[in-house]
């Protein structure tokens, strides 16, 4: 393909949701995929269930060298192996690139590969699950946030957000996207750690006061890291991170359990992506997320004992480690 409007790296749940909606809206989409998933999408297209119900034919590229250029590159792979995947695309020309992956290290990898001036900040408060049969269950459509780094807006941000939103995936620009990214990461550390250790649907571990307390304490520890890096936190995240860090512990637990009740009624099927990976025997996003936070804290001389403990616990549960027998 000479030039796509949108090149999407990764044909998992969110990559499929974005690719299907953008292609269905008439944009030229190139979906970079491999293995059985590439074969599946080539044969059957992408079928969405849940919040959207349609099948879209999306061009698949198994060989990254076949992509010459795209106006926008969206990175939607799991975090393991990201550097290698981006290296395979260094030959291509992208006007803009952004990642909706978990963890705060994603923007640095994009800047190393394509130049800082091409990179936007982004995060997805959006959820989906790739089912065993290849269909994608679209469970939450709250917002994809995009903005200039470290802050600000631009014409390119406004154009991309308009196109994605009009295609059916809610999307908006943010003038404080770095703050949003770190607020999501603070929330994700708590949610991911508890999801993997309890193996419960999201609403069930959110409404439980004991697991909610663990989430609160992990969020507060990770917030100390963000604050040490000079990043302001916000409540505009999957959890009200700023309020959780500012109020009493009891108040914070009540906020988490209240959110669980909302999930019970609005997204009862939602499960954290890291839990989906664990149950399917896939490599977990642990070193690039929890591990990244632990390493950053160590470099700053910060002691975050609960984050450190859960990092090692989740790493021990990683199917990729068990497959190696280590």
C-alpha atoms as a PDB file:
ATOM      1  CA  UNK A   1       0.000   0.000   0.000  1.00  0.00           C
ATOM      2  CA  UNK A   2       1.457   3.358  -1.020  1.00  0.00           C
ATOM      3  CA  UNK A   3      -0.309   5.603   1.493  1.00  0.00           C
ATOM      4  CA  UNK A   4      -3.105   5.035   3.996  1.00  0.00           C
ATOM      5  CA  UNK A   5      -5.158   7.533   5.918  1.00  0.00           C
ATOM      6  CA  UNK A   6      -4.701   5.417   9.049  1.00  0.00           C
ATOM      7  CA  UNK A   7      -2.179   2.648   9.636  1.00  0.00           C
ATOM      8  CA  UNK A   8      -3.046   0.643  12.742  1.00  0.00           C
ATOM      9  CA  UNK A   9      -0.325  -1.460  14.314  1.00  0.00           C
ATOM     10  CA  UNK A  10      -2.042  -4.349  16.045  1.00  0.00           C
ATOM     11  CA  UNK A  11      -5.242  -6.246  15.285  1.00  0.00           C
ATOM     12  CA  UNK A  12      -6.228  -7.021  18.856  1.00  0.00           C
ATOM     13  CA  UNK A  13      -9.384  -5.740  20.506  1.00  0.00           C
ATOM     14  CA  UNK A  14      -8.882  -1.959  20.343  1.00  0.00           C
ATOM     15  CA  UNK A  15      -6.945  -2.012  17.077  1.00  0.00           C
ATOM     16  CA  UNK A  16      -9.836  -3.949  15.544  1.00  0.00           C
ATOM     17  CA  UNK A  17     -12.444  -1.564  16.956  1.00  0.00           C
ATOM     18  CA  UNK A  18     -10.644   1.474  15.534  1.00  0.00           C
ATOM     19  CA  UNK A  19      -9.825  -0.187  12.223  1.00  0.00           C
ATOM     20  CA  UNK A  20     -13.377  -1.419  11.657  1.00  0.00           C
ATOM     21  CA  UNK A  21     -14.990   1.920  12.494  1.00  0.00           C
ATOM     22  CA  UNK A  22     -12.559   3.991  10.428  1.00  0.00           C
ATOM     23  CA  UNK A  23     -12.830   1.661   7.417  1.00  0.00           C
ATOM     24  CA  UNK A  24     -16.619   1.606   7.753  1.00  0.00           C
ATOM     25  CA  UNK A  25     -16.566   5.420   7.658  1.00  0.00           C
ATOM     26  CA  UNK A  26     -14.717   5.392   4.345  1.00  0.00           C
ATOM     27  CA  UNK A  27     -11.121   6.006   5.416  1.00  0.00           C
ATOM     28  CA  UNK A  28      -8.239   4.142   3.783  1.00  0.00           C
ATOM     29  CA  UNK A  29      -7.032   1.866   6.585  1.00  0.00           C
ATOM     30  CA  UNK A  30      -4.038  -0.469   6.689  1.00  0.00           C
ATOM     31  CA  UNK A  31      -4.159  -2.981   9.538  1.00  0.00           C
ATOM     32  CA  UNK A  32      -0.719  -4.334  10.411  1.00  0.00           C
ATOM     33  CA  UNK A  33      -1.274  -7.839  11.750  1.00  0.00           C
ATOM     34  CA  UNK A  34       0.393 -11.218  11.799  1.00  0.00           C
ATOM     35  CA  UNK A  35      -0.192 -14.906  12.390  1.00  0.00           C
ATOM     36  CA  UNK A  36      -3.614 -16.435  12.806  1.00  0.00           C
ATOM     37  CA  UNK A  37      -5.252 -13.074  13.476  1.00  0.00           C
ATOM     38  CA  UNK A  38      -4.069 -11.719  10.116  1.00  0.00           C
ATOM     39  CA  UNK A  39      -5.481 -14.772   8.339  1.00  0.00           C
ATOM     40  CA  UNK A  40      -8.753 -14.435  10.225  1.00  0.00           C
ATOM     41  CA  UNK A  41      -9.271 -10.751   9.344  1.00  0.00           C
ATOM     42  CA  UNK A  42      -8.309 -11.338   5.705  1.00  0.00           C
ATOM     43  CA  UNK A  43     -10.839 -14.159   5.461  1.00  0.00           C
ATOM     44  CA  UNK A  44     -13.743 -12.893   7.557  1.00  0.00           C
ATOM     45  CA  UNK A  45     -13.216  -9.167   8.070  1.00  0.00           C
ATOM     46  CA  UNK A  46     -13.669  -7.652  11.520  1.00  0.00           C
ATOM     47  CA  UNK A  47     -16.991  -8.393  13.225  1.00  0.00           C
ATOM     48  CA  UNK A  48     -17.978  -6.211  16.172  1.00  0.00           C
ATOM     49  CA  UNK A  49     -20.543  -7.085  18.811  1.00  0.00           C
ATOM     50  CA  UNK A  50     -21.752  -5.239  21.882  1.00  0.00           C
ATOM     51  CA  UNK A  51     -21.869  -1.461  21.533  1.00  0.00           C
ATOM     52  CA  UNK A  52     -21.439  -1.788  17.753  1.00  0.00           C
ATOM     53  CA  UNK A  53     -22.722  -4.562  15.535  1.00  0.00           C
ATOM     54  CA  UNK A  54     -21.312  -4.804  12.030  1.00  0.00           C
ATOM     55  CA  UNK A  55     -18.629  -6.472   9.927  1.00  0.00           C
ATOM     56  CA  UNK A  56     -16.013  -4.393   8.106  1.00  0.00           C
ATOM     57  CA  UNK A  57     -13.502  -5.434   5.484  1.00  0.00           C
ATOM     58  CA  UNK A  58     -10.137  -3.955   6.445  1.00  0.00           C
ATOM     59  CA  UNK A  59      -6.989  -4.360   4.308  1.00  0.00           C
ATOM     60  CA  UNK A  60      -4.356  -6.379   6.191  1.00  0.00           C
ATOM     61  CA  UNK A  61      -0.604  -6.013   5.830  1.00  0.00           C
ATOM     62  CA  UNK A  62       1.393  -8.937   7.233  1.00  0.00           C
ATOM     63  CA  UNK A  63       4.723  -7.520   6.041  1.00  0.00           C
ATOM     64  CA  UNK A  64       5.455  -4.071   7.530  1.00  0.00           C
ATOM     65  CA  UNK A  65       7.790  -3.289   4.615  1.00  0.00           C
ATOM     66  CA  UNK A  66       4.733  -3.181   2.320  1.00  0.00           C
ATOM     67  CA  UNK A  67       3.527   0.004   4.011  1.00  0.00           C
ATOM     68  CA  UNK A  68       5.167   3.052   2.492  1.00  0.00           C
ATOM     69  CA  UNK A  69       3.316   5.927   4.174  1.00  0.00           C
ATOM     70  CA  UNK A  70       0.274   6.939   6.213  1.00  0.00           C
ATOM     71  CA  UNK A  71      -1.130  10.190   7.448  1.00  0.00           C
ATOM     72  CA  UNK A  72      -1.630   8.730  10.944  1.00  0.00           C
ATOM     73  CA  UNK A  73      -0.034   5.727  12.659  1.00  0.00           C
ATOM     74  CA  UNK A  74      -1.961   4.349  15.635  1.00  0.00           C
ATOM     75  CA  UNK A  75      -0.074   1.889  17.831  1.00  0.00           C
ATOM     76  CA  UNK A  76      -2.550  -0.522  19.413  1.00  0.00           C
ATOM     77  CA  UNK A  77      -0.382  -3.564  20.160  1.00  0.00           C
ATOM     78  CA  UNK A  78       0.325  -4.958  23.592  1.00  0.00           C
ATOM     79  CA  UNK A  79       3.427  -3.318  25.053  1.00  0.00           C
ATOM     80  CA  UNK A  80       5.842  -6.335  24.887  1.00  0.00           C
ATOM     81  CA  UNK A  81       7.896  -6.095  21.712  1.00  0.00           C
ATOM     82  CA  UNK A  82       6.880  -2.530  20.841  1.00  0.00           C
ATOM     83  CA  UNK A  83      10.419  -1.329  20.090  1.00  0.00           C
ATOM     84  CA  UNK A  84      10.967  -4.160  17.612  1.00  0.00           C
ATOM     85  CA  UNK A  85       7.585  -3.580  15.944  1.00  0.00           C
ATOM     86  CA  UNK A  86       8.328   0.126  15.487  1.00  0.00           C
ATOM     87  CA  UNK A  87      11.802  -0.625  14.143  1.00  0.00           C
ATOM     88  CA  UNK A  88      10.162  -2.569  11.305  1.00  0.00           C
ATOM     89  CA  UNK A  89       8.297   0.616  10.312  1.00  0.00           C
ATOM     90  CA  UNK A  90      11.193   3.089  10.350  1.00  0.00           C
ATOM     91  CA  UNK A  91      11.290   3.052   6.541  1.00  0.00           C
ATOM     92  CA  UNK A  92       7.715   4.376   6.312  1.00  0.00           C
ATOM     93  CA  UNK A  93       6.662   8.015   6.308  1.00  0.00           C
ATOM     94  CA  UNK A  94       4.062   9.089   8.891  1.00  0.00           C
ATOM     95  CA  UNK A  95       2.749  12.614   9.325  1.00  0.00           C
ATOM     96  CA  UNK A  96       1.593  11.832  12.862  1.00  0.00           C
ATOM     97  CA  UNK A  97       1.893   8.902  15.273  1.00  0.00           C
ATOM     98  CA  UNK A  98       0.287   8.130  18.598  1.00  0.00           C
ATOM     99  CA  UNK A  99      -0.118   5.135  20.881  1.00  0.00           C
ATOM    100  CA  UNK A 100      -3.120   3.983  22.903  1.00  0.00           C
ATOM    101  CA  UNK A 101      -1.035   1.415  24.785  1.00  0.00           C
ATOM    102  CA  UNK A 102      -0.819   1.169  28.551  1.00  0.00           C
ATOM    103  CA  UNK A 103       2.154   2.612  30.395  1.00  0.00           C
ATOM    104  CA  UNK A 104       4.024   5.933  30.249  1.00  0.00           C
ATOM    105  CA  UNK A 105       6.988   4.797  28.132  1.00  0.00           C
ATOM    106  CA  UNK A 106       5.120   4.590  24.810  1.00  0.00           C
ATOM    107  CA  UNK A 107       5.685   8.189  23.693  1.00  0.00           C
ATOM    108  CA  UNK A 108       9.445   7.865  24.155  1.00  0.00           C
ATOM    109  CA  UNK A 109       9.533   4.801  21.897  1.00  0.00           C
ATOM    110  CA  UNK A 110       7.566   6.594  19.181  1.00  0.00           C
ATOM    111  CA  UNK A 111       9.815   9.654  19.390  1.00  0.00           C
ATOM    112  CA  UNK A 112      12.920   7.478  19.028  1.00  0.00           C
ATOM    113  CA  UNK A 113      11.463   5.781  15.953  1.00  0.00           C
ATOM    114  CA  UNK A 114       9.874   8.671  14.063  1.00  0.00           C
ATOM    115  CA  UNK A 115      10.921  11.970  15.669  1.00  0.00           C
ATOM    116  CA  UNK A 116       9.365  13.814  18.577  1.00  0.00           C
ATOM    117  CA  UNK A 117       7.642  16.369  16.340  1.00  0.00           C
ATOM    118  CA  UNK A 118       5.421  13.658  14.843  1.00  0.00           C
ATOM    119  CA  UNK A 119       4.241  12.213  18.158  1.00  0.00           C
ATOM    120  CA  UNK A 120       0.992  13.027  19.915  1.00  0.00           C
ATOM    121  CA  UNK A 121      -0.046  11.944  23.375  1.00  0.00           C
ATOM    122  CA  UNK A 122      -3.081   9.683  23.617  1.00  0.00           C
ATOM    123  CA  UNK A 123      -4.975   7.340  25.879  1.00  0.00           C
ATOM    124  CA  UNK A 124      -8.076   5.210  25.495  1.00  0.00           C
ATOM    125  CA  UNK A 125     -10.811   5.062  28.114  1.00  0.00           C
ATOM    126  CA  UNK A 126     -12.350   2.505  25.803  1.00  0.00           C
ATOM    127  CA  UNK A 127     -12.615  -1.252  26.183  1.00  0.00           C
ATOM    128  CA  UNK A 128     -13.140  -4.302  24.029  1.00  0.00           C
ATOM    129  CA  UNK A 129     -12.388  -8.016  24.119  1.00  0.00           C
ATOM    130  CA  UNK A 130     -11.154 -10.244  21.303  1.00  0.00           C
ATOM    131  CA  UNK A 131     -13.235 -13.396  21.576  1.00  0.00           C
ATOM    132  CA  UNK A 132     -12.045 -16.913  20.814  1.00  0.00           C
ATOM    133  CA  UNK A 133     -13.988 -17.038  17.551  1.00  0.00           C
ATOM    134  CA  UNK A 134     -12.389 -13.843  16.250  1.00  0.00           C
ATOM    135  CA  UNK A 135     -15.278 -11.479  16.889  1.00  0.00           C
ATOM    136  CA  UNK A 136     -14.666  -8.388  19.033  1.00  0.00           C
ATOM    137  CA  UNK A 137     -16.946  -7.516  21.952  1.00  0.00           C
ATOM    138  CA  UNK A 138     -17.036  -3.712  22.228  1.00  0.00           C
ATOM    139  CA  UNK A 139     -17.831  -3.075  25.921  1.00  0.00           C
ATOM    140  CA  UNK A 140     -17.015   0.569  26.740  1.00  0.00           C
ATOM    141  CA  UNK A 141     -16.981   3.627  24.494  1.00  0.00           C
ATOM    142  CA  UNK A 142     -16.146   6.501  26.847  1.00  0.00           C
ATOM    143  CA  UNK A 143     -13.371   8.439  25.091  1.00  0.00           C
ATOM    144  CA  UNK A 144     -10.074   8.339  23.270  1.00  0.00           C
ATOM    145  CA  UNK A 145      -8.124  11.458  24.251  1.00  0.00           C
ATOM    146  CA  UNK A 146      -5.493  12.960  21.942  1.00  0.00           C
ATOM    147  CA  UNK A 147      -3.320  16.045  22.396  1.00  0.00           C
ATOM    148  CA  UNK A 148       0.002  17.692  21.751  1.00  0.00           C
ATOM    149  CA  UNK A 149       2.832  16.822  24.143  1.00  0.00           C
ATOM    150  CA  UNK A 150       3.315  17.836  26.857  1.00  0.00           C
ATOM    151  CA  UNK A 151       0.263  20.067  26.507  1.00  0.00           C
ATOM    152  CA  UNK A 152      -1.735  22.007  23.947  1.00  0.00           C
ATOM    153  CA  UNK A 153      -3.848  21.448  20.862  1.00  0.00           C
ATOM    154  CA  UNK A 154      -3.378  21.862  17.109  1.00  0.00           C
ATOM    155  CA  UNK A 155      -5.141  21.530  13.773  1.00  0.00           C
ATOM    156  CA  UNK A 156      -3.908  17.954  13.388  1.00  0.00           C
ATOM    157  CA  UNK A 157      -5.314  16.991  16.788  1.00  0.00           C
ATOM    158  CA  UNK A 158      -8.672  18.507  15.913  1.00  0.00           C
ATOM    159  CA  UNK A 159      -8.819  16.776  12.533  1.00  0.00           C
ATOM    160  CA  UNK A 160      -7.924  13.331  13.885  1.00  0.00           C
ATOM    161  CA  UNK A 161     -10.355  13.556  16.800  1.00  0.00           C
ATOM    162  CA  UNK A 162     -13.167  14.677  14.473  1.00  0.00           C
ATOM    163  CA  UNK A 163     -12.570  11.747  12.142  1.00  0.00           C
ATOM    164  CA  UNK A 164     -12.370   9.069  14.834  1.00  0.00           C
ATOM    165  CA  UNK A 165     -15.388  10.454  16.688  1.00  0.00           C
ATOM    166  CA  UNK A 166     -17.457  10.706  13.515  1.00  0.00           C
ATOM    167  CA  UNK A 167     -16.554   7.085  12.725  1.00  0.00           C
ATOM    168  CA  UNK A 168     -18.243   5.948  15.948  1.00  0.00           C
ATOM    169  CA  UNK A 169     -15.440   5.680  18.525  1.00  0.00           C
ATOM    170  CA  UNK A 170     -15.790   8.562  20.927  1.00  0.00           C
ATOM    171  CA  UNK A 171     -12.747  10.791  20.703  1.00  0.00           C
ATOM    172  CA  UNK A 172     -11.848  14.268  21.899  1.00  0.00           C
ATOM    173  CA  UNK A 173      -8.839  16.540  22.067  1.00  0.00           C
ATOM    174  CA  UNK A 174      -7.120  17.376  25.335  1.00  0.00           C
ATOM    175  CA  UNK A 175      -4.855  20.322  26.058  1.00  0.00           C
ATOM    176  CA  UNK A 176      -3.390  18.435  29.045  1.00  0.00           C
ATOM    177  CA  UNK A 177      -2.831  14.997  27.575  1.00  0.00           C
ATOM    178  CA  UNK A 178       0.311  14.161  29.577  1.00  0.00           C
ATOM    179  CA  UNK A 179      -1.660  14.725  32.772  1.00  0.00           C
ATOM    180  CA  UNK A 180      -4.369  12.407  31.462  1.00  0.00           C
ATOM    181  CA  UNK A 181      -1.847   9.735  30.460  1.00  0.00           C
ATOM    182  CA  UNK A 182      -0.255   9.667  33.902  1.00  0.00           C
ATOM    183  CA  UNK A 183      -3.628   9.762  35.657  1.00  0.00           C
ATOM    184  CA  UNK A 184      -4.660   6.723  33.638  1.00  0.00           C
ATOM    185  CA  UNK A 185      -1.379   5.001  34.493  1.00  0.00           C
ATOM    186  CA  UNK A 186      -1.917   5.616  38.217  1.00  0.00           C
ATOM    187  CA  UNK A 187      -5.368   4.075  37.914  1.00  0.00           C
ATOM    188  CA  UNK A 188      -4.129   1.221  35.729  1.00  0.00           C
ATOM    189  CA  UNK A 189      -1.508   0.056  38.223  1.00  0.00           C
ATOM    190  CA  UNK A 190      -4.177  -0.564  40.848  1.00  0.00           C
ATOM    191  CA  UNK A 191      -6.801  -1.984  38.513  1.00  0.00           C
ATOM    192  CA  UNK A 192      -4.417  -4.290  36.650  1.00  0.00           C
ATOM    193  CA  UNK A 193      -2.771  -5.686  39.762  1.00  0.00           C
ATOM    194  CA  UNK A 194      -6.092  -6.488  41.423  1.00  0.00           C
ATOM    195  CA  UNK A 195      -7.661  -7.851  38.225  1.00  0.00           C
ATOM    196  CA  UNK A 196      -4.849 -10.362  37.773  1.00  0.00           C
ATOM    197  CA  UNK A 197      -4.714 -11.462  41.401  1.00  0.00           C
ATOM    198  CA  UNK A 198      -8.503 -11.766  41.905  1.00  0.00           C
ATOM    199  CA  UNK A 199      -9.355 -12.870  38.333  1.00  0.00           C
ATOM    200  CA  UNK A 200     -12.750 -11.200  38.695  1.00  0.00           C
ATOM    201  CA  UNK A 201     -14.801  -9.072  36.281  1.00  0.00           C
ATOM    202  CA  UNK A 202     -14.050  -5.406  36.870  1.00  0.00           C
ATOM    203  CA  UNK A 203     -17.229  -4.455  38.702  1.00  0.00           C
ATOM    204  CA  UNK A 204     -16.831  -7.307  41.185  1.00  0.00           C
ATOM    205  CA  UNK A 205     -13.397  -6.311  42.436  1.00  0.00           C
ATOM    206  CA  UNK A 206     -14.313  -2.613  42.413  1.00  0.00           C
ATOM    207  CA  UNK A 207     -17.325  -3.040  44.716  1.00  0.00           C
ATOM    208  CA  UNK A 208     -15.404  -5.164  47.231  1.00  0.00           C
ATOM    209  CA  UNK A 209     -14.061  -2.897  50.025  1.00  0.00           C
ATOM    210  CA  UNK A 210     -10.892  -4.946  50.530  1.00  0.00           C
ATOM    211  CA  UNK A 211      -9.822  -5.003  46.900  1.00  0.00           C
ATOM    212  CA  UNK A 212     -10.891  -1.357  46.582  1.00  0.00           C
ATOM    213  CA  UNK A 213      -8.508  -0.518  49.431  1.00  0.00           C
ATOM    214  CA  UNK A 214      -5.630  -2.244  47.628  1.00  0.00           C
ATOM    215  CA  UNK A 215      -6.440  -0.252  44.483  1.00  0.00           C
ATOM    216  CA  UNK A 216      -6.467   3.009  46.459  1.00  0.00           C
ATOM    217  CA  UNK A 217      -3.079   2.326  48.026  1.00  0.00           C
ATOM    218  CA  UNK A 218      -1.492   1.397  44.687  1.00  0.00           C
ATOM    219  CA  UNK A 219      -2.949   4.494  43.020  1.00  0.00           C
ATOM    220  CA  UNK A 220      -1.604   6.707  45.781  1.00  0.00           C
ATOM    221  CA  UNK A 221       1.879   5.226  45.528  1.00  0.00           C
ATOM    222  CA  UNK A 222       2.010   5.638  41.767  1.00  0.00           C
ATOM    223  CA  UNK A 223       0.722   9.196  42.158  1.00  0.00           C
ATOM    224  CA  UNK A 224       3.799   9.977  44.234  1.00  0.00           C
ATOM    225  CA  UNK A 225       5.912   9.052  41.216  1.00  0.00           C
ATOM    226  CA  UNK A 226       3.892  11.290  38.883  1.00  0.00           C
ATOM    227  CA  UNK A 227       4.171  14.173  41.317  1.00  0.00           C
ATOM    228  CA  UNK A 228       7.931  13.655  41.625  1.00  0.00           C
ATOM    229  CA  UNK A 229       8.121  13.968  37.828  1.00  0.00           C
ATOM    230  CA  UNK A 230       6.161  17.223  37.949  1.00  0.00           C
ATOM    231  CA  UNK A 231       3.010  15.827  36.347  1.00  0.00           C
ATOM    232  CA  UNK A 232      -0.305  17.139  37.676  1.00  0.00           C
ATOM    233  CA  UNK A 233      -3.024  14.524  38.115  1.00  0.00           C
ATOM    234  CA  UNK A 234      -6.709  14.768  37.282  1.00  0.00           C
ATOM    235  CA  UNK A 235     -10.040  13.074  37.947  1.00  0.00           C
ATOM    236  CA  UNK A 236     -10.577  12.760  34.176  1.00  0.00           C
ATOM    237  CA  UNK A 237      -9.568   9.119  34.139  1.00  0.00           C
ATOM    238  CA  UNK A 238     -11.078   5.695  34.604  1.00  0.00           C
ATOM    239  CA  UNK A 239     -10.660   6.424  38.332  1.00  0.00           C
ATOM    240  CA  UNK A 240     -10.889   9.871  39.997  1.00  0.00           C
ATOM    241  CA  UNK A 241      -7.153   9.856  40.657  1.00  0.00           C
ATOM    242  CA  UNK A 242      -6.769  13.424  41.915  1.00  0.00           C
ATOM    243  CA  UNK A 243      -9.543  12.949  44.486  1.00  0.00           C
ATOM    244  CA  UNK A 244      -8.247   9.518  45.508  1.00  0.00           C
ATOM    245  CA  UNK A 245      -4.840  11.016  46.279  1.00  0.00           C
ATOM    246  CA  UNK A 246      -6.156  14.151  48.005  1.00  0.00           C
ATOM    247  CA  UNK A 247      -8.890  12.858  50.325  1.00  0.00           C
ATOM    248  CA  UNK A 248      -8.983  10.362  53.153  1.00  0.00           C
ATOM    249  CA  UNK A 249      -8.436   6.675  52.528  1.00  0.00           C
ATOM    250  CA  UNK A 250     -12.027   5.881  53.532  1.00  0.00           C
ATOM    251  CA  UNK A 251     -13.349   8.477  51.107  1.00  0.00           C
ATOM    252  CA  UNK A 252     -11.154   7.090  48.333  1.00  0.00           C
ATOM    253  CA  UNK A 253     -12.440   3.541  48.924  1.00  0.00           C
ATOM    254  CA  UNK A 254     -16.019   4.800  48.713  1.00  0.00           C
ATOM    255  CA  UNK A 255     -15.249   6.454  45.381  1.00  0.00           C
ATOM    256  CA  UNK A 256     -13.873   3.179  44.018  1.00  0.00           C
ATOM    257  CA  UNK A 257     -16.811   1.077  45.219  1.00  0.00           C
ATOM    258  CA  UNK A 258     -19.261   3.633  43.803  1.00  0.00           C
ATOM    259  CA  UNK A 259     -17.528   3.291  40.452  1.00  0.00           C
ATOM    260  CA  UNK A 260     -17.937  -0.464  40.756  1.00  0.00           C
ATOM    261  CA  UNK A 261     -21.688  -0.056  41.090  1.00  0.00           C
ATOM    262  CA  UNK A 262     -21.701   1.989  37.881  1.00  0.00           C
ATOM    263  CA  UNK A 263     -19.724  -0.729  36.098  1.00  0.00           C
ATOM    264  CA  UNK A 264     -22.195  -3.316  37.433  1.00  0.00           C
ATOM    265  CA  UNK A 265     -25.051  -1.528  35.647  1.00  0.00           C
ATOM    266  CA  UNK A 266     -23.308  -0.098  32.565  1.00  0.00           C
ATOM    267  CA  UNK A 267     -20.460  -2.546  31.759  1.00  0.00           C
ATOM    268  CA  UNK A 268     -21.075  -5.834  33.601  1.00  0.00           C
ATOM    269  CA  UNK A 269     -19.038  -7.813  31.057  1.00  0.00           C
ATOM    270  CA  UNK A 270     -15.957  -5.589  31.309  1.00  0.00           C
ATOM    271  CA  UNK A 271     -12.707  -7.339  32.203  1.00  0.00           C
ATOM    272  CA  UNK A 272      -9.284  -5.758  32.269  1.00  0.00           C
ATOM    273  CA  UNK A 273      -7.229  -6.520  29.164  1.00  0.00           C
ATOM    274  CA  UNK A 274      -4.403  -7.882  31.306  1.00  0.00           C
ATOM    275  CA  UNK A 275      -6.837 -10.413  32.808  1.00  0.00           C
ATOM    276  CA  UNK A 276      -7.958 -11.425  29.316  1.00  0.00           C
ATOM    277  CA  UNK A 277      -4.311 -12.010  28.424  1.00  0.00           C
ATOM    278  CA  UNK A 278      -3.679 -14.072  31.545  1.00  0.00           C
ATOM    279  CA  UNK A 279      -6.652 -16.330  30.896  1.00  0.00           C
ATOM    280  CA  UNK A 280      -5.609 -16.880  27.277  1.00  0.00           C
ATOM    281  CA  UNK A 281      -1.988 -17.634  28.163  1.00  0.00           C
ATOM    282  CA  UNK A 282      -0.593 -14.494  26.510  1.00  0.00           C
ATOM    283  CA  UNK A 283       2.361 -12.442  27.694  1.00  0.00           C
ATOM    284  CA  UNK A 284       1.323  -9.838  30.261  1.00  0.00           C
ATOM    285  CA  UNK A 285       2.024  -6.124  30.031  1.00  0.00           C
ATOM    286  CA  UNK A 286       3.983  -6.091  33.254  1.00  0.00           C
ATOM    287  CA  UNK A 287       7.589  -5.018  32.665  1.00  0.00           C
ATOM    288  CA  UNK A 288       6.619  -2.075  30.429  1.00  0.00           C
ATOM    289  CA  UNK A 289       3.953  -0.844  32.873  1.00  0.00           C
ATOM    290  CA  UNK A 290       4.355  -1.791  36.541  1.00  0.00           C
ATOM    291  CA  UNK A 291       8.047  -2.463  35.950  1.00  0.00           C
ATOM    292  CA  UNK A 292       8.501   0.899  34.234  1.00  0.00           C
ATOM    293  CA  UNK A 293       7.038   2.624  37.273  1.00  0.00           C
ATOM    294  CA  UNK A 294       9.294   0.689  39.640  1.00  0.00           C
ATOM    295  CA  UNK A 295      12.385   1.567  37.572  1.00  0.00           C
ATOM    296  CA  UNK A 296      11.453   5.259  37.366  1.00  0.00           C
ATOM    297  CA  UNK A 297      10.900   5.383  41.118  1.00  0.00           C
ATOM    298  CA  UNK A 298      14.254   3.729  41.806  1.00  0.00           C
ATOM    299  CA  UNK A 299      16.014   6.260  39.580  1.00  0.00           C
ATOM    300  CA  UNK A 300      14.438   9.059  41.621  1.00  0.00           C
ATOM    301  CA  UNK A 301      15.187   7.419  44.965  1.00  0.00           C
ATOM    302  CA  UNK A 302      11.490   6.875  45.718  1.00  0.00           C
ATOM    303  CA  UNK A 303      10.400   3.846  47.732  1.00  0.00           C
ATOM    304  CA  UNK A 304       7.099   2.438  46.455  1.00  0.00           C
ATOM    305  CA  UNK A 305       6.885  -0.901  48.300  1.00  0.00           C
ATOM    306  CA  UNK A 306       3.360  -1.916  47.295  1.00  0.00           C
ATOM    307  CA  UNK A 307       3.938  -1.179  43.608  1.00  0.00           C
ATOM    308  CA  UNK A 308       7.221  -3.089  43.780  1.00  0.00           C
ATOM    309  CA  UNK A 309       5.562  -6.075  45.461  1.00  0.00           C
ATOM    310  CA  UNK A 310       2.714  -6.289  42.951  1.00  0.00           C
ATOM    311  CA  UNK A 311       5.124  -5.876  40.049  1.00  0.00           C
ATOM    312  CA  UNK A 312       7.015  -8.986  41.138  1.00  0.00           C
ATOM    313  CA  UNK A 313       3.799 -10.893  41.914  1.00  0.00           C
ATOM    314  CA  UNK A 314       2.263 -10.162  38.495  1.00  0.00           C
ATOM    315  CA  UNK A 315       5.595 -10.941  36.805  1.00  0.00           C
ATOM    316  CA  UNK A 316       5.558 -14.353  38.517  1.00  0.00           C
ATOM    317  CA  UNK A 317       2.075 -15.014  37.092  1.00  0.00           C
ATOM    318  CA  UNK A 318       3.127 -14.041  33.570  1.00  0.00           C
ATOM    319  CA  UNK A 319       2.369 -16.929  31.161  1.00  0.00           C
ATOM    320  CA  UNK A 320       5.405 -15.902  29.101  1.00  0.00           C
ATOM    321  CA  UNK A 321       7.684 -16.669  32.083  1.00  0.00           C
ATOM    322  CA  UNK A 322       5.934 -19.939  32.831  1.00  0.00           C
ATOM    323  CA  UNK A 323       6.297 -21.011  29.187  1.00  0.00           C
ATOM    324  CA  UNK A 324      10.071 -20.506  29.468  1.00  0.00           C
ATOM    325  CA  UNK A 325      10.148 -22.452  32.717  1.00  0.00           C
ATOM    326  CA  UNK A 326      11.787 -19.565  34.587  1.00  0.00           C
END
